[in-house]
Amino acid sequence: METKKRLSKALAAAGVASRRHCEELIFAGKVSVNGEIIKVPQTLVSWDRDSILVDGQKVKGEEKKFYFMLNKPKGYICSNARVGTKKIVLDLFKEVPERLFTVGRLDRDTTGLILVTNDGHFANKVIHPSSNISKEYIVKTTQEITHEHLVTIANGAHIEDSWIRPVKVLKVRKGTVKVIVKEGKKREVRLLVENAGLTILELSRVRIGGLLLGEIPEGKFKEMTPTEKNIIFS
């Protein structure tokens, strides 16, 4: 019996992107099935019978799944599409032949832990709000952090049309603060800290869920173990 899947799920299983991003690609008219642009993510497709293209490139079907944790360096963009000559995270994975993508994003000037995979279902589970995963950041500033700064950060800020409050804010040392968030809004930690009147020198993510960055050197990555994959959700 022929097995059919919804187009968005099929693309995610093939490692194109997370299911959410696959839906965005479909809505944008970048996906064709048998030569026809398809804009309905629920369209049923079969790898055996259908020819599926994304941005004009044929998708071969489901691949062996890879899971990496990367210590992202400053100056790299979390995108599959290059803008001009800007460096992208996937430049660091040239030795891996599979199509990969980042799970969520860190902005260009933020370093630290980011996951890279070709498993769209795993990526969707990590970023979906129902997983309730917290992320921990270490922020170094030019000023000494006062109690007033901590209170302002903890009270939150208006970000992307909603008021966002961090889960926890803790002074680590004179000019360093730890910020834990769950929302996942664009540049939220940077905006929370800058809203308190602080100037950021360095911003790094050190934890996703129960997974710690550990001793991975900046710019390097390691393949994740099954235990490391599971501990994210603990």
C-alpha atoms as a PDB file:
ATOM      1  CA  MET A   1       0.000   0.000   0.000  1.00  0.00           C
ATOM      2  CA  GLU A   2       1.375   3.395  -1.025  1.00  0.00           C
ATOM      3  CA  THR A   3       2.292   5.639   1.906  1.00  0.00           C
ATOM      4  CA  LYS A   4       1.472   9.312   1.524  1.00  0.00           C
ATOM      5  CA  LYS A   5       2.418  12.182   3.818  1.00  0.00           C
ATOM      6  CA  ARG A   6       1.443  15.803   4.068  1.00  0.00           C
ATOM      7  CA  LEU A   7       3.858  17.901   2.046  1.00  0.00           C
ATOM      8  CA  SER A   8       5.125  19.913   5.018  1.00  0.00           C
ATOM      9  CA  LYS A   9       5.805  16.741   7.039  1.00  0.00           C
ATOM     10  CA  ALA A  10       7.470  15.035   4.084  1.00  0.00           C
ATOM     11  CA  LEU A  11       9.829  17.989   3.588  1.00  0.00           C
ATOM     12  CA  ALA A  12      10.642  18.105   7.301  1.00  0.00           C
ATOM     13  CA  ALA A  13      11.373  14.365   7.323  1.00  0.00           C
ATOM     14  CA  ALA A  14      13.654  14.880   4.309  1.00  0.00           C
ATOM     15  CA  GLY A  15      15.723  17.389   6.243  1.00  0.00           C
ATOM     16  CA  VAL A  16      14.699  20.519   4.340  1.00  0.00           C
ATOM     17  CA  ALA A  17      13.889  22.495   7.517  1.00  0.00           C
ATOM     18  CA  SER A  18      11.681  22.399  10.591  1.00  0.00           C
ATOM     19  CA  ARG A  19       8.018  21.738   9.811  1.00  0.00           C
ATOM     20  CA  ARG A  20       7.154  25.362  10.560  1.00  0.00           C
ATOM     21  CA  HIS A  21       9.793  26.641   8.151  1.00  0.00           C
ATOM     22  CA  CYS A  22       8.717  24.077   5.535  1.00  0.00           C
ATOM     23  CA  GLU A  23       5.211  25.511   5.746  1.00  0.00           C
ATOM     24  CA  GLU A  24       6.642  28.992   5.204  1.00  0.00           C
ATOM     25  CA  LEU A  25       8.503  27.754   2.112  1.00  0.00           C
ATOM     26  CA  ILE A  26       5.270  26.265   0.762  1.00  0.00           C
ATOM     27  CA  PHE A  27       3.255  29.434   1.417  1.00  0.00           C
ATOM     28  CA  ALA A  28       5.979  31.445  -0.341  1.00  0.00           C
ATOM     29  CA  GLY A  29       5.561  29.381  -3.506  1.00  0.00           C
ATOM     30  CA  LYS A  30       9.025  27.839  -3.341  1.00  0.00           C
ATOM     31  CA  VAL A  31       7.844  24.222  -3.459  1.00  0.00           C
ATOM     32  CA  SER A  32       6.635  22.379  -6.546  1.00  0.00           C
ATOM     33  CA  VAL A  33       5.213  18.882  -6.942  1.00  0.00           C
ATOM     34  CA  ASN A  34       5.379  17.324 -10.398  1.00  0.00           C
ATOM     35  CA  GLY A  35       6.058  20.741 -11.909  1.00  0.00           C
ATOM     36  CA  GLU A  36       3.178  22.516 -10.179  1.00  0.00           C
ATOM     37  CA  ILE A  37       3.683  25.134  -7.447  1.00  0.00           C
ATOM     38  CA  ILE A  38       1.885  23.918  -4.325  1.00  0.00           C
ATOM     39  CA  LYS A  39       0.874  26.364  -1.586  1.00  0.00           C
ATOM     40  CA  VAL A  40      -1.109  23.969   0.634  1.00  0.00           C
ATOM     41  CA  PRO A  41       1.062  22.245   3.302  1.00  0.00           C
ATOM     42  CA  GLN A  42      -1.562  19.502   3.781  1.00  0.00           C
ATOM     43  CA  THR A  43      -1.214  18.297   0.177  1.00  0.00           C
ATOM     44  CA  LEU A  44      -0.558  14.543   0.231  1.00  0.00           C
ATOM     45  CA  VAL A  45       2.580  13.364  -1.573  1.00  0.00           C
ATOM     46  CA  SER A  46       4.508  10.156  -2.104  1.00  0.00           C
ATOM     47  CA  TRP A  47       8.271   9.915  -2.511  1.00  0.00           C
ATOM     48  CA  ASP A  48       7.765   6.952  -4.837  1.00  0.00           C
ATOM     49  CA  ARG A  49       5.451   8.699  -7.291  1.00  0.00           C
ATOM     50  CA  ASP A  50       5.998  12.451  -6.925  1.00  0.00           C
ATOM     51  CA  SER A  51       8.875  14.744  -7.932  1.00  0.00           C
ATOM     52  CA  ILE A  52       9.293  17.419  -5.270  1.00  0.00           C
ATOM     53  CA  LEU A  53      11.468  20.508  -5.740  1.00  0.00           C
ATOM     54  CA  VAL A  54      12.371  23.257  -3.268  1.00  0.00           C
ATOM     55  CA  ASP A  55      13.787  26.431  -4.823  1.00  0.00           C
ATOM     56  CA  GLY A  56      14.208  24.462  -8.035  1.00  0.00           C
ATOM     57  CA  GLN A  57      16.298  21.724  -6.424  1.00  0.00           C
ATOM     58  CA  LYS A  58      14.999  18.166  -6.251  1.00  0.00           C
ATOM     59  CA  VAL A  59      14.467  16.724  -2.787  1.00  0.00           C
ATOM     60  CA  LYS A  60      15.537  13.089  -2.771  1.00  0.00           C
ATOM     61  CA  GLY A  61      13.448  11.864   0.122  1.00  0.00           C
ATOM     62  CA  GLU A  62      14.119  10.952   3.716  1.00  0.00           C
ATOM     63  CA  GLU A  63      17.777  10.828   4.732  1.00  0.00           C
ATOM     64  CA  LYS A  64      19.780   9.450   7.613  1.00  0.00           C
ATOM     65  CA  LYS A  65      19.324  11.896  10.455  1.00  0.00           C
ATOM     66  CA  PHE A  66      22.204  13.906  11.899  1.00  0.00           C
ATOM     67  CA  TYR A  67      22.266  15.957  15.103  1.00  0.00           C
ATOM     68  CA  PHE A  68      25.056  18.361  15.994  1.00  0.00           C
ATOM     69  CA  MET A  69      25.717  20.855  18.772  1.00  0.00           C
ATOM     70  CA  LEU A  70      27.802  23.841  17.673  1.00  0.00           C
ATOM     71  CA  ASN A  71      29.557  26.598  19.577  1.00  0.00           C
ATOM     72  CA  LYS A  72      28.625  29.346  17.141  1.00  0.00           C
ATOM     73  CA  PRO A  73      31.285  32.011  16.589  1.00  0.00           C
ATOM     74  CA  LYS A  74      30.542  35.713  16.272  1.00  0.00           C
ATOM     75  CA  GLY A  75      29.929  36.960  12.746  1.00  0.00           C
ATOM     76  CA  TYR A  76      27.985  33.953  11.435  1.00  0.00           C
ATOM     77  CA  ILE A  77      24.329  34.098  10.390  1.00  0.00           C
ATOM     78  CA  CYS A  78      21.835  31.308  11.134  1.00  0.00           C
ATOM     79  CA  SER A  79      20.378  31.025   7.649  1.00  0.00           C
ATOM     80  CA  ASN A  80      20.512  28.601   4.737  1.00  0.00           C
ATOM     81  CA  ALA A  81      20.439  31.506   2.281  1.00  0.00           C
ATOM     82  CA  ARG A  82      23.576  33.599   1.928  1.00  0.00           C
ATOM     83  CA  VAL A  83      23.234  37.365   1.772  1.00  0.00           C
ATOM     84  CA  GLY A  84      26.119  38.791  -0.247  1.00  0.00           C
ATOM     85  CA  THR A  85      29.410  37.591   1.194  1.00  0.00           C
ATOM     86  CA  LYS A  86      28.203  37.197   4.788  1.00  0.00           C
ATOM     87  CA  LYS A  87      29.252  34.002   6.538  1.00  0.00           C
ATOM     88  CA  ILE A  88      26.567  31.484   7.462  1.00  0.00           C
ATOM     89  CA  VAL A  89      26.687  28.768  10.122  1.00  0.00           C
ATOM     90  CA  LEU A  90      26.559  26.027   7.499  1.00  0.00           C
ATOM     91  CA  ASP A  91      29.972  27.157   6.216  1.00  0.00           C
ATOM     92  CA  LEU A  92      31.313  25.367   9.294  1.00  0.00           C
ATOM     93  CA  PHE A  93      29.767  22.055   8.142  1.00  0.00           C
ATOM     94  CA  LYS A  94      31.309  21.728   4.680  1.00  0.00           C
ATOM     95  CA  GLU A  95      32.586  18.243   5.561  1.00  0.00           C
ATOM     96  CA  VAL A  96      29.003  17.040   6.102  1.00  0.00           C
ATOM     97  CA  PRO A  97      27.367  16.278   2.727  1.00  0.00           C
ATOM     98  CA  GLU A  98      23.751  16.226   3.957  1.00  0.00           C
ATOM     99  CA  ARG A  99      21.438  19.234   3.758  1.00  0.00           C
ATOM    100  CA  LEU A 100      21.477  20.775   7.259  1.00  0.00           C
ATOM    101  CA  PHE A 101      19.785  23.692   9.003  1.00  0.00           C
ATOM    102  CA  THR A 102      19.919  25.375  12.394  1.00  0.00           C
ATOM    103  CA  VAL A 103      17.283  24.759  15.058  1.00  0.00           C
ATOM    104  CA  GLY A 104      16.127  28.294  15.747  1.00  0.00           C
ATOM    105  CA  ARG A 105      18.574  31.184  15.495  1.00  0.00           C
ATOM    106  CA  LEU A 106      21.208  33.213  17.260  1.00  0.00           C
ATOM    107  CA  ASP A 107      21.862  36.677  15.894  1.00  0.00           C
ATOM    108  CA  ARG A 108      25.086  37.454  14.078  1.00  0.00           C
ATOM    109  CA  ASP A 109      26.885  38.884  17.120  1.00  0.00           C
ATOM    110  CA  THR A 110      25.756  36.204  19.587  1.00  0.00           C
ATOM    111  CA  THR A 111      27.938  33.163  20.234  1.00  0.00           C
ATOM    112  CA  GLY A 112      27.306  29.842  21.904  1.00  0.00           C
ATOM    113  CA  LEU A 113      25.143  26.754  21.729  1.00  0.00           C
ATOM    114  CA  ILE A 114      23.007  26.119  18.669  1.00  0.00           C
ATOM    115  CA  LEU A 115      21.710  22.833  17.307  1.00  0.00           C
ATOM    116  CA  VAL A 116      22.199  21.851  13.664  1.00  0.00           C
ATOM    117  CA  THR A 117      20.335  18.933  12.096  1.00  0.00           C
ATOM    118  CA  ASN A 118      18.507  17.562   9.078  1.00  0.00           C
ATOM    119  CA  ASP A 119      15.583  16.267  11.164  1.00  0.00           C
ATOM    120  CA  GLY A 120      12.660  18.656  10.807  1.00  0.00           C
ATOM    121  CA  HIS A 121      10.487  16.831  13.333  1.00  0.00           C
ATOM    122  CA  PHE A 122      13.184  17.039  16.014  1.00  0.00           C
ATOM    123  CA  ALA A 123      13.720  20.748  15.232  1.00  0.00           C
ATOM    124  CA  ASN A 124       9.995  21.442  15.462  1.00  0.00           C
ATOM    125  CA  LYS A 125       9.792  19.713  18.859  1.00  0.00           C
ATOM    126  CA  VAL A 126      12.702  21.779  20.217  1.00  0.00           C
ATOM    127  CA  ILE A 127      11.304  25.147  19.120  1.00  0.00           C
ATOM    128  CA  HIS A 128       7.608  24.481  19.735  1.00  0.00           C
ATOM    129  CA  PRO A 129       6.262  26.375  22.795  1.00  0.00           C
ATOM    130  CA  SER A 130       4.597  23.209  24.124  1.00  0.00           C
ATOM    131  CA  SER A 131       8.044  21.748  24.885  1.00  0.00           C
ATOM    132  CA  ASN A 132       8.537  24.594  27.410  1.00  0.00           C
ATOM    133  CA  ILE A 133      12.325  24.584  26.944  1.00  0.00           C
ATOM    134  CA  SER A 134      14.389  27.264  28.680  1.00  0.00           C
ATOM    135  CA  LYS A 135      17.583  28.769  27.261  1.00  0.00           C
ATOM    136  CA  GLU A 136      20.377  30.218  29.372  1.00  0.00           C
ATOM    137  CA  TYR A 137      22.574  33.121  28.272  1.00  0.00           C
ATOM    138  CA  ILE A 138      25.644  34.770  29.773  1.00  0.00           C
ATOM    139  CA  VAL A 139      25.915  38.498  29.083  1.00  0.00           C
ATOM    140  CA  LYS A 140      29.040  40.603  29.659  1.00  0.00           C
ATOM    141  CA  THR A 141      28.553  44.361  29.806  1.00  0.00           C
ATOM    142  CA  THR A 142      30.722  47.482  29.901  1.00  0.00           C
ATOM    143  CA  GLN A 143      29.137  48.656  33.149  1.00  0.00           C
ATOM    144  CA  GLU A 144      28.922  47.204  36.626  1.00  0.00           C
ATOM    145  CA  ILE A 145      25.519  45.596  37.004  1.00  0.00           C
ATOM    146  CA  THR A 146      23.418  47.086  39.795  1.00  0.00           C
ATOM    147  CA  HIS A 147      20.302  45.888  41.587  1.00  0.00           C
ATOM    148  CA  GLU A 148      18.308  48.396  39.542  1.00  0.00           C
ATOM    149  CA  HIS A 149      19.603  46.853  36.307  1.00  0.00           C
ATOM    150  CA  LEU A 150      18.555  43.386  37.483  1.00  0.00           C
ATOM    151  CA  VAL A 151      15.075  44.588  38.432  1.00  0.00           C
ATOM    152  CA  THR A 152      14.590  46.277  35.050  1.00  0.00           C
ATOM    153  CA  ILE A 153      15.669  43.167  33.153  1.00  0.00           C
ATOM    154  CA  ALA A 154      13.476  40.937  35.323  1.00  0.00           C
ATOM    155  CA  ASN A 155      10.441  43.182  34.747  1.00  0.00           C
ATOM    156  CA  GLY A 156      10.728  42.543  31.024  1.00  0.00           C
ATOM    157  CA  ALA A 157      10.338  44.602  27.869  1.00  0.00           C
ATOM    158  CA  HIS A 158       8.020  45.061  24.901  1.00  0.00           C
ATOM    159  CA  ILE A 159       9.311  42.736  22.148  1.00  0.00           C
ATOM    160  CA  GLU A 160       7.520  41.792  18.928  1.00  0.00           C
ATOM    161  CA  ASP A 161       4.119  43.144  20.022  1.00  0.00           C
ATOM    162  CA  SER A 162       4.132  41.432  23.420  1.00  0.00           C
ATOM    163  CA  TRP A 163       5.577  41.998  26.871  1.00  0.00           C
ATOM    164  CA  ILE A 164       8.373  39.489  27.495  1.00  0.00           C
ATOM    165  CA  ARG A 165       9.745  38.625  30.928  1.00  0.00           C
ATOM    166  CA  PRO A 166      12.730  36.349  31.507  1.00  0.00           C
ATOM    167  CA  VAL A 167      12.402  33.253  33.688  1.00  0.00           C
ATOM    168  CA  LYS A 168      15.411  34.233  35.825  1.00  0.00           C
ATOM    169  CA  VAL A 169      18.021  36.984  36.040  1.00  0.00           C
ATOM    170  CA  LEU A 170      21.144  36.561  38.172  1.00  0.00           C
ATOM    171  CA  LYS A 171      24.276  38.674  38.600  1.00  0.00           C
ATOM    172  CA  VAL A 172      27.317  36.417  38.112  1.00  0.00           C
ATOM    173  CA  ARG A 173      30.062  38.954  38.736  1.00  0.00           C
ATOM    174  CA  LYS A 174      30.700  42.707  38.458  1.00  0.00           C
ATOM    175  CA  GLY A 175      29.857  43.087  34.760  1.00  0.00           C
ATOM    176  CA  THR A 176      28.266  39.720  33.972  1.00  0.00           C
ATOM    177  CA  VAL A 177      24.636  38.632  34.196  1.00  0.00           C
ATOM    178  CA  LYS A 178      22.880  35.321  33.542  1.00  0.00           C
ATOM    179  CA  VAL A 179      19.507  35.533  31.770  1.00  0.00           C
ATOM    180  CA  ILE A 180      17.166  32.552  31.329  1.00  0.00           C
ATOM    181  CA  VAL A 181      14.263  32.820  28.873  1.00  0.00           C
ATOM    182  CA  LYS A 182      11.610  30.590  27.321  1.00  0.00           C
ATOM    183  CA  GLU A 183       9.872  32.805  24.776  1.00  0.00           C
ATOM    184  CA  GLY A 184      12.285  32.500  21.850  1.00  0.00           C
ATOM    185  CA  LYS A 185      11.619  35.963  20.435  1.00  0.00           C
ATOM    186  CA  LYS A 186      14.109  37.483  18.018  1.00  0.00           C
ATOM    187  CA  ARG A 187      17.048  39.117  19.848  1.00  0.00           C
ATOM    188  CA  GLU A 188      15.042  39.001  23.102  1.00  0.00           C
ATOM    189  CA  VAL A 189      17.977  38.684  25.531  1.00  0.00           C
ATOM    190  CA  ARG A 190      19.884  41.462  23.800  1.00  0.00           C
ATOM    191  CA  LEU A 191      16.810  43.726  23.907  1.00  0.00           C
ATOM    192  CA  LEU A 192      16.036  42.889  27.563  1.00  0.00           C
ATOM    193  CA  VAL A 193      19.567  43.821  28.650  1.00  0.00           C
ATOM    194  CA  GLU A 194      19.831  46.934  26.479  1.00  0.00           C
ATOM    195  CA  ASN A 195      16.439  48.075  27.782  1.00  0.00           C
ATOM    196  CA  ALA A 196      18.060  48.251  31.238  1.00  0.00           C
ATOM    197  CA  GLY A 197      20.587  50.777  29.889  1.00  0.00           C
ATOM    198  CA  LEU A 198      23.469  48.307  29.688  1.00  0.00           C
ATOM    199  CA  THR A 199      25.966  48.104  26.817  1.00  0.00           C
ATOM    200  CA  ILE A 200      26.706  44.534  25.763  1.00  0.00           C
ATOM    201  CA  LEU A 201      30.266  43.395  25.182  1.00  0.00           C
ATOM    202  CA  GLU A 202      29.564  39.686  24.735  1.00  0.00           C
ATOM    203  CA  LEU A 203      26.418  37.565  24.594  1.00  0.00           C
ATOM    204  CA  SER A 204      26.578  33.779  24.579  1.00  0.00           C
ATOM    205  CA  ARG A 205      24.036  30.975  24.931  1.00  0.00           C
ATOM    206  CA  VAL A 206      25.308  28.198  27.203  1.00  0.00           C
ATOM    207  CA  ARG A 207      22.283  25.930  27.651  1.00  0.00           C
ATOM    208  CA  ILE A 208      19.195  24.668  25.801  1.00  0.00           C
ATOM    209  CA  GLY A 209      16.855  22.768  28.113  1.00  0.00           C
ATOM    210  CA  GLY A 210      19.070  20.306  29.991  1.00  0.00           C
ATOM    211  CA  LEU A 211      21.815  20.397  27.347  1.00  0.00           C
ATOM    212  CA  LEU A 212      24.956  22.344  28.264  1.00  0.00           C
ATOM    213  CA  LEU A 213      27.457  23.758  25.762  1.00  0.00           C
ATOM    214  CA  GLY A 214      30.332  22.414  27.816  1.00  0.00           C
ATOM    215  CA  GLU A 215      33.905  22.566  26.523  1.00  0.00           C
ATOM    216  CA  ILE A 216      33.247  22.734  22.768  1.00  0.00           C
ATOM    217  CA  PRO A 217      35.669  25.356  21.350  1.00  0.00           C
ATOM    218  CA  GLU A 218      34.171  28.324  19.526  1.00  0.00           C
ATOM    219  CA  GLY A 219      33.608  27.471  15.858  1.00  0.00           C
ATOM    220  CA  LYS A 220      33.647  23.707  16.511  1.00  0.00           C
ATOM    221  CA  PHE A 221      30.836  21.159  16.692  1.00  0.00           C
ATOM    222  CA  LYS A 222      30.215  17.609  17.877  1.00  0.00           C
ATOM    223  CA  GLU A 223      27.655  14.987  16.957  1.00  0.00           C
ATOM    224  CA  MET A 224      25.073  14.568  19.679  1.00  0.00           C
ATOM    225  CA  THR A 225      24.528  11.310  21.526  1.00  0.00           C
ATOM    226  CA  PRO A 226      21.001   9.922  22.091  1.00  0.00           C
ATOM    227  CA  THR A 227      21.352  10.971  25.745  1.00  0.00           C
ATOM    228  CA  GLU A 228      22.208  14.556  24.751  1.00  0.00           C
ATOM    229  CA  LYS A 229      19.202  14.657  22.431  1.00  0.00           C
ATOM    230  CA  ASN A 230      16.869  13.501  25.185  1.00  0.00           C
ATOM    231  CA  ILE A 231      18.299  15.706  27.924  1.00  0.00           C
ATOM    232  CA  ILE A 232      17.157  18.811  26.031  1.00  0.00           C
ATOM    233  CA  PHE A 233      13.600  17.991  27.046  1.00  0.00           C
ATOM    234  CA  SER A 234      14.338  17.083  30.662  1.00  0.00           C
END
